């Protein structure tokens, strides 16, 4: 399926973002590295499309910091760290203490990179 990014509106992009995050962590569980790589690229394209809407685009991800799915929370927080650090850090800290292995490891990694000034998304 080819996605025409310019035809999607913010709610559609947020849904795509959520699905991409869930598929990414499913691929992690299955050790499907190719699919993981594809989903990372897909998520980056979604972010680029959201950023075309200005601040409103990324702002649409803020509610995902409270999503029941820890993977969605981690990926949303990663892309909100630079613009909404307090909220994103709180979400990452919560997931870092949680039960899900891959989101917990990513939360730790994003927090570490951000603390070292290396995370710029």
PDB file of N, CA and C in Angstrom:
ATOM      1  N   UNK A   1       0.839  -1.184   0.000  1.00  0.00           N
ATOM      2  CA  UNK A   1       0.000   0.000   0.000  1.00  0.00           C
ATOM      3  C   UNK A   1       0.885   1.249   0.000  1.00  0.00           C
ATOM      4  N   UNK A   2       0.622   2.153  -0.897  1.00  0.00           N
ATOM      5  CA  UNK A   2       1.349   3.406  -0.979  1.00  0.00           C
ATOM      6  C   UNK A   2       0.525   4.477  -0.275  1.00  0.00           C
ATOM      7  N   UNK A   3       1.170   5.156   0.650  1.00  0.00           N
ATOM      8  CA  UNK A   3       0.484   6.206   1.393  1.00  0.00           C
ATOM      9  C   UNK A   3       0.773   7.542   0.734  1.00  0.00           C
ATOM     10  N   UNK A   4      -0.273   8.306   0.495  1.00  0.00           N
ATOM     11  CA  UNK A   4      -0.121   9.653  -0.041  1.00  0.00           C
ATOM     12  C   UNK A   4      -0.166  10.608   1.151  1.00  0.00           C
ATOM     13  N   UNK A   5       1.028  10.896   1.670  1.00  0.00           N
ATOM     14  CA  UNK A   5       1.155  11.677   2.897  1.00  0.00           C
ATOM     15  C   UNK A   5       0.465  13.025   2.812  1.00  0.00           C
ATOM     16  N   UNK A   6       0.510  13.666   1.666  1.00  0.00           N
ATOM     17  CA  UNK A   6      -0.068  15.001   1.529  1.00  0.00           C
ATOM     18  C   UNK A   6      -1.592  14.987   1.643  1.00  0.00           C
ATOM     19  N   UNK A   7      -2.208  13.815   1.530  1.00  0.00           N
ATOM     20  CA  UNK A   7      -3.664  13.734   1.609  1.00  0.00           C
ATOM     21  C   UNK A   7      -4.171  13.401   3.013  1.00  0.00           C
ATOM     22  N   UNK A   8      -3.256  13.116   3.920  1.00  0.00           N
ATOM     23  CA  UNK A   8      -3.664  12.748   5.272  1.00  0.00           C
ATOM     24  C   UNK A   8      -3.786  13.974   6.161  1.00  0.00           C
ATOM     25  N   UNK A   9      -4.755  13.930   7.045  1.00  0.00           N
ATOM     26  CA  UNK A   9      -4.937  14.992   8.020  1.00  0.00           C
ATOM     27  C   UNK A   9      -4.359  14.514   9.351  1.00  0.00           C
ATOM     28  N   UNK A  10      -4.236  15.417  10.302  1.00  0.00           N
ATOM     29  CA  UNK A  10      -3.574  15.104  11.569  1.00  0.00           C
ATOM     30  C   UNK A  10      -4.138  13.856  12.254  1.00  0.00           C
ATOM     31  N   UNK A  11      -5.453  13.708  12.396  1.00  0.00           N
ATOM     32  CA  UNK A  11      -5.947  12.492  13.068  1.00  0.00           C
ATOM     33  C   UNK A  11      -5.540  11.204  12.350  1.00  0.00           C
ATOM     34  N   UNK A  12      -5.508  11.239  11.024  1.00  0.00           N
ATOM     35  CA  UNK A  12      -5.066  10.064  10.254  1.00  0.00           C
ATOM     36  C   UNK A  12      -3.592   9.768  10.524  1.00  0.00           C
ATOM     37  N   UNK A  13      -2.793  10.819  10.578  1.00  0.00           N
ATOM     38  CA  UNK A  13      -1.363  10.646  10.829  1.00  0.00           C
ATOM     39  C   UNK A  13      -1.112  10.108  12.234  1.00  0.00           C
ATOM     40  N   UNK A  14      -1.885  10.561  13.188  1.00  0.00           N
ATOM     41  CA  UNK A  14      -1.740  10.055  14.557  1.00  0.00           C
ATOM     42  C   UNK A  14      -2.098   8.573  14.610  1.00  0.00           C
ATOM     43  N   UNK A  15      -3.134   8.182  13.900  1.00  0.00           N
ATOM     44  CA  UNK A  15      -3.494   6.753  13.842  1.00  0.00           C
ATOM     45  C   UNK A  15      -2.384   5.943  13.177  1.00  0.00           C
ATOM     46  N   UNK A  16      -1.820   6.467  12.098  1.00  0.00           N
ATOM     47  CA  UNK A  16      -0.695   5.809  11.422  1.00  0.00           C
ATOM     48  C   UNK A  16       0.486   5.682  12.380  1.00  0.00           C
ATOM     49  N   UNK A  17       0.728   6.721  13.148  1.00  0.00           N
ATOM     50  CA  UNK A  17       1.819   6.731  14.123  1.00  0.00           C
ATOM     51  C   UNK A  17       1.620   5.633  15.163  1.00  0.00           C
ATOM     52  N   UNK A  18       0.413   5.550  15.705  1.00  0.00           N
ATOM     53  CA  UNK A  18       0.117   4.523  16.705  1.00  0.00           C
ATOM     54  C   UNK A  18       0.319   3.126  16.129  1.00  0.00           C
ATOM     55  N   UNK A  19      -0.197   2.905  14.934  1.00  0.00           N
ATOM     56  CA  UNK A  19      -0.075   1.592  14.302  1.00  0.00           C
ATOM     57  C   UNK A  19       1.384   1.260  14.024  1.00  0.00           C
ATOM     58  N   UNK A  20       2.136   2.246  13.590  1.00  0.00           N
ATOM     59  CA  UNK A  20       3.546   2.035  13.295  1.00  0.00           C
ATOM     60  C   UNK A  20       4.311   1.644  14.563  1.00  0.00           C
ATOM     61  N   UNK A  21       4.023   2.322  15.664  1.00  0.00           N
ATOM     62  CA  UNK A  21       4.688   2.003  16.937  1.00  0.00           C
ATOM     63  C   UNK A  21       4.344   0.584  17.390  1.00  0.00           C
ATOM     64  N   UNK A  22       3.079   0.215  17.287  1.00  0.00           N
ATOM     65  CA  UNK A  22       2.676  -1.137  17.695  1.00  0.00           C
ATOM     66  C   UNK A  22       3.328  -2.196  16.810  1.00  0.00           C
ATOM     67  N   UNK A  23       3.374  -1.936  15.509  1.00  0.00           N
ATOM     68  CA  UNK A  23       3.985  -2.890  14.588  1.00  0.00           C
ATOM     69  C   UNK A  23       5.489  -2.996  14.841  1.00  0.00           C
ATOM     70  N   UNK A  24       6.120  -1.875  15.147  1.00  0.00           N
ATOM     71  CA  UNK A  24       7.551  -1.886  15.450  1.00  0.00           C
ATOM     72  C   UNK A  24       7.841  -2.794  16.646  1.00  0.00           C
ATOM     73  N   UNK A  25       7.098  -2.634  17.731  1.00  0.00           N
ATOM     74  CA  UNK A  25       7.364  -3.443  18.920  1.00  0.00           C
ATOM     75  C   UNK A  25       6.954  -4.897  18.730  1.00  0.00           C
ATOM     76  N   UNK A  26       5.992  -5.146  17.893  1.00  0.00           N
ATOM     77  CA  UNK A  26       5.658  -6.518  17.536  1.00  0.00           C
ATOM     78  C   UNK A  26       6.833  -7.151  16.789  1.00  0.00           C
ATOM     79  N   UNK A  27       7.444  -6.373  15.895  1.00  0.00           N
ATOM     80  CA  UNK A  27       8.617  -6.860  15.160  1.00  0.00           C
ATOM     81  C   UNK A  27       9.795  -7.081  16.104  1.00  0.00           C
ATOM     82  N   UNK A  28       9.917  -6.265  17.133  1.00  0.00           N
ATOM     83  CA  UNK A  28      10.967  -6.476  18.139  1.00  0.00           C
ATOM     84  C   UNK A  28      10.755  -7.816  18.839  1.00  0.00           C
ATOM     85  N   UNK A  29       9.522  -8.064  19.251  1.00  0.00           N
ATOM     86  CA  UNK A  29       9.207  -9.326  19.923  1.00  0.00           C
ATOM     87  C   UNK A  29       9.503 -10.525  19.025  1.00  0.00           C
ATOM     88  N   UNK A  30       9.270 -10.368  17.728  1.00  0.00           N
ATOM     89  CA  UNK A  30       9.487 -11.451  16.763  1.00  0.00           C
ATOM     90  C   UNK A  30      10.924 -11.495  16.243  1.00  0.00           C
ATOM     91  N   UNK A  31      11.753 -10.574  16.709  1.00  0.00           N
ATOM     92  CA  UNK A  31      13.138 -10.452  16.233  1.00  0.00           C
ATOM     93  C   UNK A  31      13.207 -10.289  14.714  1.00  0.00           C
ATOM     94  N   UNK A  32      12.236  -9.552  14.182  1.00  0.00           N
ATOM     95  CA  UNK A  32      12.184  -9.285  12.747  1.00  0.00           C
ATOM     96  C   UNK A  32      12.855  -7.929  12.499  1.00  0.00           C
ATOM     97  N   UNK A  33      14.172  -7.951  12.312  1.00  0.00           N
ATOM     98  CA  UNK A  33      14.952  -6.727  12.215  1.00  0.00           C
ATOM     99  C   UNK A  33      14.637  -5.920  10.956  1.00  0.00           C
ATOM    100  N   UNK A  34      14.327  -6.609   9.878  1.00  0.00           N
ATOM    101  CA  UNK A  34      13.968  -5.908   8.644  1.00  0.00           C
ATOM    102  C   UNK A  34      12.691  -5.088   8.853  1.00  0.00           C
ATOM    103  N   UNK A  35      11.703  -5.703   9.466  1.00  0.00           N
ATOM    104  CA  UNK A  35      10.436  -5.013   9.704  1.00  0.00           C
ATOM    105  C   UNK A  35      10.633  -3.847  10.674  1.00  0.00           C
ATOM    106  N   UNK A  36      11.509  -4.024  11.648  1.00  0.00           N
ATOM    107  CA  UNK A  36      11.801  -2.933  12.585  1.00  0.00           C
ATOM    108  C   UNK A  36      12.350  -1.722  11.828  1.00  0.00           C
ATOM    109  N   UNK A  37      13.300  -1.989  10.947  1.00  0.00           N
ATOM    110  CA  UNK A  37      13.922  -0.920  10.165  1.00  0.00           C
ATOM    111  C   UNK A  37      12.889  -0.209   9.292  1.00  0.00           C
ATOM    112  N   UNK A  38      12.008  -0.974   8.671  1.00  0.00           N
ATOM    113  CA  UNK A  38      10.957  -0.407   7.832  1.00  0.00           C
ATOM    114  C   UNK A  38      10.040   0.493   8.670  1.00  0.00           C
ATOM    115  N   UNK A  39       9.691   0.044   9.857  1.00  0.00           N
ATOM    116  CA  UNK A  39       8.780   0.818  10.709  1.00  0.00           C
ATOM    117  C   UNK A  39       9.435   2.088  11.241  1.00  0.00           C
ATOM    118  N   UNK A  40      10.726   2.049  11.500  1.00  0.00           N
ATOM    119  CA  UNK A  40      11.421   3.268  11.931  1.00  0.00           C
ATOM    120  C   UNK A  40      11.348   4.309  10.817  1.00  0.00           C
ATOM    121  N   UNK A  41      11.619   3.893   9.587  1.00  0.00           N
ATOM    122  CA  UNK A  41      11.539   4.815   8.444  1.00  0.00           C
ATOM    123  C   UNK A  41      10.112   5.337   8.263  1.00  0.00           C
ATOM    124  N   UNK A  42       9.149   4.447   8.421  1.00  0.00           N
ATOM    125  CA  UNK A  42       7.738   4.818   8.288  1.00  0.00           C
ATOM    126  C   UNK A  42       7.366   5.872   9.337  1.00  0.00           C
ATOM    127  N   UNK A  43       7.782   5.645  10.559  1.00  0.00           N
ATOM    128  CA  UNK A  43       7.481   6.580  11.641  1.00  0.00           C
ATOM    129  C   UNK A  43       8.130   7.937  11.376  1.00  0.00           C
ATOM    130  N   UNK A  44       9.349   7.934  10.871  1.00  0.00           N
ATOM    131  CA  UNK A  44      10.009   9.201  10.549  1.00  0.00           C
ATOM    132  C   UNK A  44       9.248   9.966   9.462  1.00  0.00           C
ATOM    133  N   UNK A  45       8.689   9.245   8.498  1.00  0.00           N
ATOM    134  CA  UNK A  45       7.885   9.900   7.458  1.00  0.00           C
ATOM    135  C   UNK A  45       6.601  10.490   8.048  1.00  0.00           C
ATOM    136  N   UNK A  46       6.020   9.776   8.988  1.00  0.00           N
ATOM    137  CA  UNK A  46       4.816  10.296   9.660  1.00  0.00           C
ATOM    138  C   UNK A  46       5.157  11.592  10.395  1.00  0.00           C
ATOM    139  N   UNK A  47       6.285  11.602  11.084  1.00  0.00           N
ATOM    140  CA  UNK A  47       6.710  12.809  11.805  1.00  0.00           C
ATOM    141  C   UNK A  47       6.936  13.959  10.837  1.00  0.00           C
ATOM    142  N   UNK A  48       7.575  13.688   9.718  1.00  0.00           N
ATOM    143  CA  UNK A  48       7.779  14.729   8.707  1.00  0.00           C
ATOM    144  C   UNK A  48       6.438  15.289   8.225  1.00  0.00           C
ATOM    145  N   UNK A  49       5.483  14.401   8.013  1.00  0.00           N
ATOM    146  CA  UNK A  49       4.152  14.839   7.568  1.00  0.00           C
ATOM    147  C   UNK A  49       3.464  15.661   8.653  1.00  0.00           C
ATOM    148  N   UNK A  50       3.576  15.223   9.899  1.00  0.00           N
ATOM    149  CA  UNK A  50       2.984  15.995  11.002  1.00  0.00           C
ATOM    150  C   UNK A  50       3.637  17.369  11.116  1.00  0.00           C
ATOM    151  N   UNK A  51       4.941  17.418  10.938  1.00  0.00           N
ATOM    152  CA  UNK A  51       5.653  18.690  11.038  1.00  0.00           C
ATOM    153  C   UNK A  51       5.249  19.681   9.951  1.00  0.00           C
ATOM    154  N   UNK A  52       4.689  19.187   8.860  1.00  0.00           N
ATOM    155  CA  UNK A  52       4.184  20.085   7.807  1.00  0.00           C
ATOM    156  C   UNK A  52       3.005  20.924   8.306  1.00  0.00           C
ATOM    157  N   UNK A  53       2.368  20.484   9.369  1.00  0.00           N
ATOM    158  CA  UNK A  53       1.249  21.226   9.956  1.00  0.00           C
ATOM    159  C   UNK A  53       1.722  22.247  10.989  1.00  0.00           C
ATOM    160  N   UNK A  54       3.016  22.378  11.153  1.00  0.00           N
ATOM    161  CA  UNK A  54       3.560  23.291  12.153  1.00  0.00           C
ATOM    162  C   UNK A  54       3.479  22.674  13.543  1.00  0.00           C
ATOM    163  N   UNK A  55       3.465  23.518  14.561  1.00  0.00           N
ATOM    164  CA  UNK A  55       3.454  23.056  15.953  1.00  0.00           C
ATOM    165  C   UNK A  55       2.254  22.170  16.251  1.00  0.00           C
ATOM    166  N   UNK A  56       1.155  22.420  15.564  1.00  0.00           N
ATOM    167  CA  UNK A  56      -0.065  21.643  15.767  1.00  0.00           C
ATOM    168  C   UNK A  56       0.146  20.153  15.480  1.00  0.00           C
ATOM    169  N   UNK A  57       1.029  19.843  14.546  1.00  0.00           N
ATOM    170  CA  UNK A  57       1.285  18.451  14.185  1.00  0.00           C
ATOM    171  C   UNK A  57       1.863  17.650  15.334  1.00  0.00           C
ATOM    172  N   UNK A  58       2.960  18.113  15.893  1.00  0.00           N
ATOM    173  CA  UNK A  58       3.566  17.389  17.020  1.00  0.00           C
ATOM    174  C   UNK A  58       2.690  17.460  18.261  1.00  0.00           C
ATOM    175  N   UNK A  59       2.011  18.575  18.429  1.00  0.00           N
ATOM    176  CA  UNK A  59       1.117  18.723  19.579  1.00  0.00           C
ATOM    177  C   UNK A  59       0.071  17.610  19.600  1.00  0.00           C
ATOM    178  N   UNK A  60      -0.305  17.107  18.438  1.00  0.00           N
ATOM    179  CA  UNK A  60      -1.303  16.035  18.349  1.00  0.00           C
ATOM    180  C   UNK A  60      -0.798  14.729  18.957  1.00  0.00           C
ATOM    181  N   UNK A  61       0.520  14.614  19.160  1.00  0.00           N
ATOM    182  CA  UNK A  61       1.076  13.409  19.775  1.00  0.00           C
ATOM    183  C   UNK A  61       1.029  13.434  21.304  1.00  0.00           C
ATOM    184  N   UNK A  62       0.836  14.603  21.889  1.00  0.00           N
ATOM    185  CA  UNK A  62       0.855  14.727  23.355  1.00  0.00           C
ATOM    186  C   UNK A  62      -0.126  13.772  24.039  1.00  0.00           C
ATOM    187  N   UNK A  63      -1.361  13.616  23.572  1.00  0.00           N
ATOM    188  CA  UNK A  63      -2.264  12.665  24.238  1.00  0.00           C
ATOM    189  C   UNK A  63      -1.745  11.220  24.242  1.00  0.00           C
ATOM    190  N   UNK A  64      -0.858  10.897  23.315  1.00  0.00           N
ATOM    191  CA  UNK A  64      -0.315   9.539  23.256  1.00  0.00           C
ATOM    192  C   UNK A  64       0.622   9.247  24.423  1.00  0.00           C
ATOM    193  N   UNK A  65       1.049  10.272  25.133  1.00  0.00           N
ATOM    194  CA  UNK A  65       1.887  10.054  26.312  1.00  0.00           C
ATOM    195  C   UNK A  65       1.126   9.325  27.415  1.00  0.00           C
ATOM    196  N   UNK A  66      -0.191   9.297  27.302  1.00  0.00           N
ATOM    197  CA  UNK A  66      -1.037   8.589  28.271  1.00  0.00           C
ATOM    198  C   UNK A  66      -1.674   7.341  27.673  1.00  0.00           C
ATOM    199  N   UNK A  67      -1.240   6.943  26.491  1.00  0.00           N
ATOM    200  CA  UNK A  67      -1.809   5.759  25.848  1.00  0.00           C
ATOM    201  C   UNK A  67      -1.539   4.527  26.707  1.00  0.00           C
ATOM    202  N   UNK A  68      -2.499   3.600  26.768  1.00  0.00           N
ATOM    203  CA  UNK A  68      -2.273   2.386  27.561  1.00  0.00           C
ATOM    204  C   UNK A  68      -1.148   1.499  27.023  1.00  0.00           C
ATOM    205  N   UNK A  69      -0.826   1.624  25.740  1.00  0.00           N
ATOM    206  CA  UNK A  69       0.241   0.828  25.144  1.00  0.00           C
ATOM    207  C   UNK A  69       1.584   1.501  25.425  1.00  0.00           C
ATOM    208  N   UNK A  70       2.466   0.792  26.125  1.00  0.00           N
ATOM    209  CA  UNK A  70       3.751   1.387  26.488  1.00  0.00           C
ATOM    210  C   UNK A  70       4.618   1.704  25.276  1.00  0.00           C
ATOM    211  N   UNK A  71       4.529   0.910  24.236  1.00  0.00           N
ATOM    212  CA  UNK A  71       5.298   1.187  23.025  1.00  0.00           C
ATOM    213  C   UNK A  71       4.887   2.491  22.381  1.00  0.00           C
ATOM    214  N   UNK A  72       3.595   2.728  22.301  1.00  0.00           N
ATOM    215  CA  UNK A  72       3.101   3.982  21.735  1.00  0.00           C
ATOM    216  C   UNK A  72       3.580   5.149  22.581  1.00  0.00           C
ATOM    217  N   UNK A  73       3.509   5.013  23.901  1.00  0.00           N
ATOM    218  CA  UNK A  73       3.962   6.083  24.792  1.00  0.00           C
ATOM    219  C   UNK A  73       5.443   6.399  24.584  1.00  0.00           C
ATOM    220  N   UNK A  74       6.264   5.361  24.457  1.00  0.00           N
ATOM    221  CA  UNK A  74       7.703   5.570  24.295  1.00  0.00           C
ATOM    222  C   UNK A  74       8.010   6.287  22.988  1.00  0.00           C
ATOM    223  N   UNK A  75       7.422   5.830  21.905  1.00  0.00           N
ATOM    224  CA  UNK A  75       7.719   6.434  20.608  1.00  0.00           C
ATOM    225  C   UNK A  75       7.199   7.880  20.574  1.00  0.00           C
ATOM    226  N   UNK A  76       6.015   8.108  21.100  1.00  0.00           N
ATOM    227  CA  UNK A  76       5.492   9.484  21.149  1.00  0.00           C
ATOM    228  C   UNK A  76       6.413  10.370  21.987  1.00  0.00           C
ATOM    229  N   UNK A  77       6.824   9.870  23.142  1.00  0.00           N
ATOM    230  CA  UNK A  77       7.698  10.650  24.014  1.00  0.00           C
ATOM    231  C   UNK A  77       9.024  10.974  23.324  1.00  0.00           C
ATOM    232  N   UNK A  78       9.548  10.025  22.575  1.00  0.00           N
ATOM    233  CA  UNK A  78      10.812  10.251  21.878  1.00  0.00           C
ATOM    234  C   UNK A  78      10.702  11.441  20.923  1.00  0.00           C
ATOM    235  N   UNK A  79       9.568  11.559  20.262  1.00  0.00           N
ATOM    236  CA  UNK A  79       9.396  12.643  19.301  1.00  0.00           C
ATOM    237  C   UNK A  79       8.863  13.921  19.938  1.00  0.00           C
ATOM    238  N   UNK A  80       8.617  13.878  21.243  1.00  0.00           N
ATOM    239  CA  UNK A  80       8.171  15.074  21.957  1.00  0.00           C
ATOM    240  C   UNK A  80       9.223  15.595  22.929  1.00  0.00           C
ATOM    241  N   UNK A  81      10.323  14.877  23.090  1.00  0.00           N
ATOM    242  CA  UNK A  81      11.350  15.264  24.063  1.00  0.00           C
ATOM    243  C   UNK A  81      11.855  16.687  23.868  1.00  0.00           C
ATOM    244  N   UNK A  82      12.111  17.053  22.652  1.00  0.00           N
ATOM    245  CA  UNK A  82      12.682  18.371  22.391  1.00  0.00           C
ATOM    246  C   UNK A  82      11.671  19.496  22.625  1.00  0.00           C
ATOM    247  N   UNK A  83      10.413  19.247  22.337  1.00  0.00           N
ATOM    248  CA  UNK A  83       9.403  20.310  22.412  1.00  0.00           C
ATOM    249  C   UNK A  83       8.625  20.338  23.722  1.00  0.00           C
ATOM    250  N   UNK A  84       8.453  19.168  24.329  1.00  0.00           N
ATOM    251  CA  UNK A  84       7.705  19.071  25.589  1.00  0.00           C
ATOM    252  C   UNK A  84       8.481  18.180  26.554  1.00  0.00           C
ATOM    253  N   UNK A  85       9.689  18.609  26.947  1.00  0.00           N
ATOM    254  CA  UNK A  85      10.568  17.715  27.700  1.00  0.00           C
ATOM    255  C   UNK A  85       9.997  17.216  29.026  1.00  0.00           C
ATOM    256  N   UNK A  86       9.355  18.062  29.783  1.00  0.00           N
ATOM    257  CA  UNK A  86       8.852  17.615  31.092  1.00  0.00           C
ATOM    258  C   UNK A  86       7.842  16.489  30.953  1.00  0.00           C
ATOM    259  N   UNK A  87       6.895  16.646  30.029  1.00  0.00           N
ATOM    260  CA  UNK A  87       5.874  15.623  29.821  1.00  0.00           C
ATOM    261  C   UNK A  87       6.477  14.345  29.243  1.00  0.00           C
ATOM    262  N   UNK A  88       7.372  14.503  28.276  1.00  0.00           N
ATOM    263  CA  UNK A  88       7.976  13.342  27.625  1.00  0.00           C
ATOM    264  C   UNK A  88       8.870  12.568  28.596  1.00  0.00           C
ATOM    265  N   UNK A  89       9.658  13.271  29.383  1.00  0.00           N
ATOM    266  CA  UNK A  89      10.524  12.615  30.362  1.00  0.00           C
ATOM    267  C   UNK A  89       9.694  11.848  31.377  1.00  0.00           C
ATOM    268  N   UNK A  90       8.608  12.448  31.847  1.00  0.00           N
ATOM    269  CA  UNK A  90       7.741  11.762  32.811  1.00  0.00           C
ATOM    270  C   UNK A  90       7.188  10.462  32.224  1.00  0.00           C
ATOM    271  N   UNK A  91       6.760  10.509  30.969  1.00  0.00           N
ATOM    272  CA  UNK A  91       6.234   9.301  30.321  1.00  0.00           C
ATOM    273  C   UNK A  91       7.324   8.245  30.165  1.00  0.00           C
ATOM    274  N   UNK A  92       8.511   8.671  29.758  1.00  0.00           N
ATOM    275  CA  UNK A  92       9.614   7.728  29.580  1.00  0.00           C
ATOM    276  C   UNK A  92      10.055   7.121  30.908  1.00  0.00           C
ATOM    277  N   UNK A  93      10.085   7.929  31.948  1.00  0.00           N
ATOM    278  CA  UNK A  93      10.456   7.412  33.279  1.00  0.00           C
ATOM    279  C   UNK A  93       9.458   6.353  33.748  1.00  0.00           C
ATOM    280  N   UNK A  94       8.193   6.603  33.489  1.00  0.00           N
ATOM    281  CA  UNK A  94       7.154   5.635  33.881  1.00  0.00           C
ATOM    282  C   UNK A  94       7.327   4.316  33.128  1.00  0.00           C
ATOM    283  N   UNK A  95       7.532   4.397  31.818  1.00  0.00           N
ATOM    284  CA  UNK A  95       7.700   3.186  31.014  1.00  0.00           C
ATOM    285  C   UNK A  95       9.005   2.473  31.390  1.00  0.00           C
ATOM    286  N   UNK A  96      10.037   3.238  31.700  1.00  0.00           N
ATOM    287  CA  UNK A  96      11.339   2.664  32.071  1.00  0.00           C
ATOM    288  C   UNK A  96      11.210   1.731  33.280  1.00  0.00           C
ATOM    289  N   UNK A  97      10.219   1.975  34.099  1.00  0.00           N
ATOM    290  CA  UNK A  97       9.985   1.147  35.287  1.00  0.00           C
ATOM    291  C   UNK A  97       8.951   0.045  35.032  1.00  0.00           C
ATOM    292  N   UNK A  98       8.412  -0.003  33.811  1.00  0.00           N
ATOM    293  CA  UNK A  98       7.314  -0.911  33.487  1.00  0.00           C
ATOM    294  C   UNK A  98       7.753  -2.318  33.137  1.00  0.00           C
ATOM    295  N   UNK A  99       6.766  -3.154  32.823  1.00  0.00           N
ATOM    296  CA  UNK A  99       7.024  -4.573  32.601  1.00  0.00           C
ATOM    297  C   UNK A  99       7.415  -4.976  31.173  1.00  0.00           C
ATOM    298  N   UNK A 100       7.199  -4.112  30.201  1.00  0.00           N
ATOM    299  CA  UNK A 100       7.441  -4.527  28.813  1.00  0.00           C
ATOM    300  C   UNK A 100       8.903  -4.292  28.442  1.00  0.00           C
ATOM    301  N   UNK A 101       9.560  -5.340  27.983  1.00  0.00           N
ATOM    302  CA  UNK A 101      11.006  -5.323  27.793  1.00  0.00           C
ATOM    303  C   UNK A 101      11.481  -4.278  26.782  1.00  0.00           C
ATOM    304  N   UNK A 102      11.043  -4.362  25.533  1.00  0.00           N
ATOM    305  CA  UNK A 102      11.576  -3.473  24.499  1.00  0.00           C
ATOM    306  C   UNK A 102      11.202  -2.004  24.727  1.00  0.00           C
ATOM    307  N   UNK A 103       9.944  -1.680  25.054  1.00  0.00           N
ATOM    308  CA  UNK A 103       9.656  -0.273  25.360  1.00  0.00           C
ATOM    309  C   UNK A 103      10.466   0.232  26.559  1.00  0.00           C
ATOM    310  N   UNK A 104      10.658  -0.613  27.555  1.00  0.00           N
ATOM    311  CA  UNK A 104      11.430  -0.217  28.743  1.00  0.00           C
ATOM    312  C   UNK A 104      12.879   0.101  28.348  1.00  0.00           C
ATOM    313  N   UNK A 105      13.471  -0.738  27.505  1.00  0.00           N
ATOM    314  CA  UNK A 105      14.854  -0.510  27.067  1.00  0.00           C
ATOM    315  C   UNK A 105      14.959   0.756  26.212  1.00  0.00           C
ATOM    316  N   UNK A 106      13.990   0.965  25.339  1.00  0.00           N
ATOM    317  CA  UNK A 106      14.008   2.172  24.511  1.00  0.00           C
ATOM    318  C   UNK A 106      13.816   3.423  25.356  1.00  0.00           C
ATOM    319  N   UNK A 107      12.938   3.341  26.359  1.00  0.00           N
ATOM    320  CA  UNK A 107      12.732   4.494  27.248  1.00  0.00           C
ATOM    321  C   UNK A 107      14.053   4.871  27.913  1.00  0.00           C
ATOM    322  N   UNK A 108      14.758   3.878  28.421  1.00  0.00           N
ATOM    323  CA  UNK A 108      16.057   4.137  29.051  1.00  0.00           C
ATOM    324  C   UNK A 108      17.018   4.777  28.047  1.00  0.00           C
ATOM    325  N   UNK A 109      17.061   4.232  26.838  1.00  0.00           N
ATOM    326  CA  UNK A 109      17.975   4.733  25.811  1.00  0.00           C
ATOM    327  C   UNK A 109      17.657   6.176  25.420  1.00  0.00           C
ATOM    328  N   UNK A 110      16.378   6.488  25.233  1.00  0.00           N
ATOM    329  CA  UNK A 110      15.990   7.852  24.871  1.00  0.00           C
ATOM    330  C   UNK A 110      16.320   8.828  26.000  1.00  0.00           C
ATOM    331  N   UNK A 111      16.051   8.432  27.238  1.00  0.00           N
ATOM    332  CA  UNK A 111      16.377   9.292  28.382  1.00  0.00           C
ATOM    333  C   UNK A 111      17.877   9.538  28.466  1.00  0.00           C
ATOM    334  N   UNK A 112      18.662   8.499  28.262  1.00  0.00           N
ATOM    335  CA  UNK A 112      20.119   8.622  28.317  1.00  0.00           C
ATOM    336  C   UNK A 112      20.626   9.540  27.205  1.00  0.00           C
ATOM    337  N   UNK A 113      20.146   9.334  25.991  1.00  0.00           N
ATOM    338  CA  UNK A 113      20.570  10.176  24.867  1.00  0.00           C
ATOM    339  C   UNK A 113      20.189  11.632  25.093  1.00  0.00           C
ATOM    340  N   UNK A 114      18.991  11.851  25.596  1.00  0.00           N
ATOM    341  CA  UNK A 114      18.531  13.214  25.847  1.00  0.00           C
ATOM    342  C   UNK A 114      19.388  13.883  26.925  1.00  0.00           C
ATOM    343  N   UNK A 115      19.688  13.142  27.992  1.00  0.00           N
ATOM    344  CA  UNK A 115      20.502  13.687  29.078  1.00  0.00           C
ATOM    345  C   UNK A 115      21.904  14.064  28.598  1.00  0.00           C
ATOM    346  N   UNK A 116      22.403  13.335  27.610  1.00  0.00           N
ATOM    347  CA  UNK A 116      23.740  13.608  27.060  1.00  0.00           C
ATOM    348  C   UNK A 116      23.702  14.627  25.924  1.00  0.00           C
ATOM    349  N   UNK A 117      22.512  15.156  25.629  1.00  0.00           N
ATOM    350  CA  UNK A 117      22.378  16.159  24.576  1.00  0.00           C
ATOM    351  C   UNK A 117      22.455  15.596  23.168  1.00  0.00           C
ATOM    352  N   UNK A 118      22.245  14.293  23.036  1.00  0.00           N
ATOM    353  CA  UNK A 118      22.365  13.654  21.729  1.00  0.00           C
ATOM    354  C   UNK A 118      21.027  13.465  21.029  1.00  0.00           C
ATOM    355  N   UNK A 119      19.928  13.606  21.719  1.00  0.00           N
ATOM    356  CA  UNK A 119      18.608  13.354  21.115  1.00  0.00           C
ATOM    357  C   UNK A 119      18.052  14.675  20.609  1.00  0.00           C
ATOM    358  N   UNK A 120      17.771  14.734  19.325  1.00  0.00           N
ATOM    359  CA  UNK A 120      17.347  16.013  18.744  1.00  0.00           C
ATOM    360  C   UNK A 120      16.034  15.959  17.993  1.00  0.00           C
ATOM    361  N   UNK A 121      15.331  14.842  18.033  1.00  0.00           N
ATOM    362  CA  UNK A 121      14.069  14.728  17.276  1.00  0.00           C
ATOM    363  C   UNK A 121      12.995  15.459  18.018  1.00  0.00           C
TER     364      UNK A 121
END
